């Protein structure tokens, strides 16, 4: 049984990639550029920052484009982003059984805002966002911090995410890793693979 459950945000707790990608696609279209939504989502899933670097190189988008995109993205996310099906149930279950949810994201305060909006904040014990300034995943530094702060037992701790870097941050810290995917692919770094968050009831 896992006592400490560490969650990624984008693409794991919340279904934000389609929102981010749609805003980006609309911005490109205004510049006369057509890019498939599926390709933008694919780049965003690597990381938002790497996606911006990719499209800066591919289309020579400038700082003004990025500034406008960031503003529109923030507005759209707060209005349109929602947690995945099953998230409320599993987070409540973890909290109600005297175990602990933690947030580990590269995002800033927008992650906290969205957790509060959907009444999830109360189920979380601690939050690591960009504010703390830890080295980005797959570095294990943020997880090591949580392990040391809360005297976690490694075998009782698990990282849940939708990308290699999420899983690797867990494995690099010596804890288990659970891969969430809406497809059928496996992940070499995962101890568990799920397609629906209700599957976690049989894992944790």
Protein backbone atom coordinates (compact mmCIF):
# COMPACT_ATOMS: atom_id res chain seq x y z
CA UNK A 1 0.00 0.00 0.00
CA UNK A 2 1.23 3.48 -0.87
CA UNK A 3 1.02 6.18 1.77
CA UNK A 4 2.54 9.07 -0.19
CA UNK A 5 1.18 9.81 -3.67
CA UNK A 6 2.98 12.50 -5.68
CA UNK A 7 1.08 13.90 -8.66
CA UNK A 8 2.14 15.68 -11.83
CA UNK A 9 -0.36 18.35 -12.93
CA UNK A 10 -0.59 18.86 -16.71
CA UNK A 11 -1.86 15.75 -18.45
CA UNK A 12 -2.21 13.90 -15.15
CA UNK A 13 -4.42 15.69 -12.64
CA UNK A 14 -5.83 18.10 -15.23
CA UNK A 15 -6.54 17.70 -18.94
CA UNK A 16 -4.77 20.89 -19.96
CA UNK A 17 -2.89 19.91 -23.13
CA UNK A 18 -5.86 20.33 -25.49
CA UNK A 19 -6.53 23.79 -24.07
CA UNK A 20 -2.90 24.90 -24.37
CA UNK A 21 -2.59 23.46 -27.87
CA UNK A 22 -5.82 25.04 -29.13
CA UNK A 23 -4.70 28.51 -27.99
CA UNK A 24 -1.30 27.99 -29.61
CA UNK A 25 -2.84 26.77 -32.87
CA UNK A 26 -5.11 29.83 -33.01
CA UNK A 27 -2.10 32.08 -32.48
CA UNK A 28 -0.19 30.40 -35.30
CA UNK A 29 -3.22 30.68 -37.58
CA UNK A 30 -3.29 34.44 -37.00
CA UNK A 31 0.27 34.45 -38.35
CA UNK A 32 -0.84 32.54 -41.43
CA UNK A 33 0.60 29.25 -40.16
CA UNK A 34 -1.37 25.99 -40.17
CA UNK A 35 -0.16 23.34 -37.75
CA UNK A 36 -2.05 20.13 -36.85
CA UNK A 37 -3.49 20.23 -33.34
CA UNK A 38 -2.25 16.69 -32.70
CA UNK A 39 1.34 17.73 -33.44
CA UNK A 40 1.10 20.70 -31.07
CA UNK A 41 -0.25 18.44 -28.31
CA UNK A 42 2.62 16.02 -28.96
CA UNK A 43 5.17 18.81 -28.53
CA UNK A 44 3.40 20.17 -25.44
CA UNK A 45 3.56 16.75 -23.81
CA UNK A 46 7.35 16.84 -23.94
CA UNK A 47 7.13 20.11 -22.01
CA UNK A 48 5.65 23.55 -22.61
CA UNK A 49 9.07 25.18 -22.71
CA UNK A 50 10.49 22.68 -25.20
CA UNK A 51 7.40 23.14 -27.39
CA UNK A 52 8.00 26.87 -27.50
CA UNK A 53 11.64 26.30 -28.43
CA UNK A 54 10.58 23.85 -31.14
CA UNK A 55 8.15 26.30 -32.73
CA UNK A 56 10.51 29.25 -32.32
CA UNK A 57 12.98 27.32 -34.43
CA UNK A 58 10.43 25.96 -36.90
CA UNK A 59 8.46 29.16 -37.56
CA UNK A 60 10.70 31.88 -36.11
CA UNK A 61 7.95 33.09 -33.78
CA UNK A 62 8.99 36.11 -31.77
CA UNK A 63 8.70 37.30 -28.18
CA UNK A 64 5.49 39.21 -28.90
CA UNK A 65 3.83 36.02 -30.11
CA UNK A 66 4.93 34.16 -26.97
CA UNK A 67 3.74 36.97 -24.68
CA UNK A 68 0.29 37.02 -26.28
CA UNK A 69 0.13 33.22 -26.19
CA UNK A 70 1.01 33.07 -22.50
CA UNK A 71 -1.69 35.61 -21.66
CA UNK A 72 -4.37 33.87 -23.70
CA UNK A 73 -3.31 30.46 -22.38
CA UNK A 74 -3.66 31.56 -18.79
CA UNK A 75 -7.13 32.94 -19.40
CA UNK A 76 -8.28 29.85 -21.33
CA UNK A 77 -6.88 27.38 -18.81
CA UNK A 78 -8.66 28.96 -15.89
CA UNK A 79 -11.91 28.92 -17.84
CA UNK A 80 -11.72 25.59 -19.68
CA UNK A 81 -9.31 23.19 -17.94
CA UNK A 82 -10.84 20.40 -15.88
CA UNK A 83 -9.54 17.46 -13.88
CA UNK A 84 -9.60 14.05 -15.54
CA UNK A 85 -12.47 11.71 -14.74
CA UNK A 86 -11.83 9.87 -11.50
CA UNK A 87 -9.39 12.40 -10.05
CA UNK A 88 -11.81 13.77 -7.46
CA UNK A 89 -12.74 10.28 -6.32
CA UNK A 90 -9.20 8.94 -5.99
CA UNK A 91 -7.77 12.06 -4.32
CA UNK A 92 -10.63 12.08 -1.84
CA UNK A 93 -10.10 8.36 -1.17
CA UNK A 94 -6.38 8.87 -0.48
CA UNK A 95 -7.06 11.79 1.83
CA UNK A 96 -9.94 10.08 3.65
CA UNK A 97 -7.83 6.98 4.36
CA UNK A 98 -5.18 9.05 6.18
CA UNK A 99 -2.71 9.05 3.33
CA UNK A 100 -1.17 11.96 1.51
CA UNK A 101 -1.45 13.63 -1.89
CA UNK A 102 1.37 15.93 -3.03
CA UNK A 103 1.59 18.16 -6.10
CA UNK A 104 4.82 18.30 -8.11
CA UNK A 105 4.62 20.55 -11.16
CA UNK A 106 6.71 22.92 -13.24
CA UNK A 107 3.72 25.28 -13.23
CA UNK A 108 3.31 28.27 -11.00
CA UNK A 109 0.31 29.41 -8.98
CA UNK A 110 -2.18 28.56 -11.73
CA UNK A 111 -2.02 24.94 -10.58
CA UNK A 112 -3.10 25.96 -7.07
CA UNK A 113 -5.87 28.14 -8.48
CA UNK A 114 -7.29 25.25 -10.50
CA UNK A 115 -7.10 22.84 -7.57
CA UNK A 116 -9.08 25.31 -5.50
CA UNK A 117 -11.59 25.93 -8.28
CA UNK A 118 -12.49 22.23 -8.40
CA UNK A 119 -12.39 21.71 -4.64
CA UNK A 120 -9.30 19.49 -4.81
CA UNK A 121 -6.93 21.69 -2.84
CA UNK A 122 -8.20 20.36 0.50
CA UNK A 123 -7.14 16.82 -0.45
CA UNK A 124 -3.46 17.79 -0.88
CA UNK A 125 -0.87 17.83 1.87
CA UNK A 126 1.89 19.82 0.17
CA UNK A 127 2.59 21.56 -3.13
CA UNK A 128 5.76 22.00 -5.15
CA UNK A 129 5.45 24.45 -8.04
CA UNK A 130 7.91 26.58 -9.99
CA UNK A 131 7.85 28.95 -7.03
CA UNK A 132 10.23 26.78 -5.02
CA UNK A 133 12.84 26.79 -7.77
CA UNK A 134 13.79 23.11 -7.75
CA UNK A 135 15.64 21.69 -10.73
CA UNK A 136 13.13 20.53 -13.32
CA UNK A 137 12.09 16.90 -13.68
CA UNK A 138 13.55 14.32 -14.29
CA UNK A 139 15.74 15.62 -11.48
CA UNK A 140 14.76 13.88 -8.23
CA UNK A 141 15.57 16.95 -6.12
CA UNK A 142 11.97 17.96 -5.39
CA UNK A 143 11.00 14.41 -4.47
CA UNK A 144 14.07 14.05 -2.27
CA UNK A 145 12.94 17.22 -0.51
CA UNK A 146 9.51 15.73 0.17
CA UNK A 147 11.00 12.42 1.28
CA UNK A 148 13.27 14.14 3.77
CA UNK A 149 10.70 16.66 4.98
CA UNK A 150 8.02 14.06 5.69
CA UNK A 151 10.26 11.09 6.51
CA UNK A 152 8.73 9.05 3.72
CA UNK A 153 9.54 5.38 3.34
CA UNK A 154 10.56 4.84 -0.28
CA UNK A 155 8.49 1.69 -0.70
CA UNK A 156 5.39 3.58 0.45
CA UNK A 157 5.81 6.41 -2.08
CA UNK A 158 4.80 6.70 -5.73
CA UNK A 159 5.01 9.31 -8.50
CA UNK A 160 2.13 9.51 -10.99
CA UNK A 161 2.60 11.22 -14.35
CA UNK A 162 2.01 11.10 -18.08
CA UNK A 163 5.55 11.68 -19.35
CA UNK A 164 8.96 10.04 -19.16
CA UNK A 165 10.34 12.92 -17.13
CA UNK A 166 7.64 12.47 -14.46
CA UNK A 167 8.35 8.78 -14.11
CA UNK A 168 12.11 9.26 -14.19
CA UNK A 169 11.95 11.83 -11.40
CA UNK A 170 10.32 9.14 -9.27
CA UNK A 171 12.68 6.36 -10.29
CA UNK A 172 15.70 8.64 -9.80
CA UNK A 173 14.47 9.29 -6.27
CA UNK A 174 14.11 5.56 -5.59
CA UNK A 175 10.31 5.39 -5.48
CA UNK A 176 7.66 3.71 -7.63
CA UNK A 177 6.26 5.27 -10.80
CA UNK A 178 2.80 5.05 -12.36
CA UNK A 179 2.23 6.01 -15.99
CA UNK A 180 -1.10 7.51 -17.07
CA UNK A 181 -1.90 7.25 -20.76
CA UNK A 182 -5.09 7.62 -22.76
CA UNK A 183 -3.57 5.35 -25.40
CA UNK A 184 -2.26 1.79 -25.41
CA UNK A 185 1.45 2.46 -25.14
CA UNK A 186 3.63 1.08 -22.39
CA UNK A 187 6.43 2.96 -20.66
CA UNK A 188 9.76 1.40 -19.80
CA UNK A 189 10.08 3.46 -16.62
CA UNK A 190 6.67 2.58 -15.17
CA UNK A 191 5.93 0.10 -12.41
CA UNK A 192 2.23 0.50 -13.27
CA UNK A 193 0.34 1.73 -16.32
CA UNK A 194 -3.24 3.02 -16.12
CA UNK A 195 -5.76 4.34 -18.64
CA UNK A 196 -8.32 5.43 -16.06
CA UNK A 197 -7.69 6.91 -12.64
CA UNK A 198 -10.23 4.61 -11.01
CA UNK A 199 -7.70 1.83 -11.68
CA UNK A 200 -5.61 3.35 -8.91
CA UNK A 201 -8.01 1.95 -6.32
CA UNK A 202 -6.47 -1.48 -6.92
CA UNK A 203 -2.88 -0.16 -6.88
CA UNK A 204 -2.67 2.19 -3.94
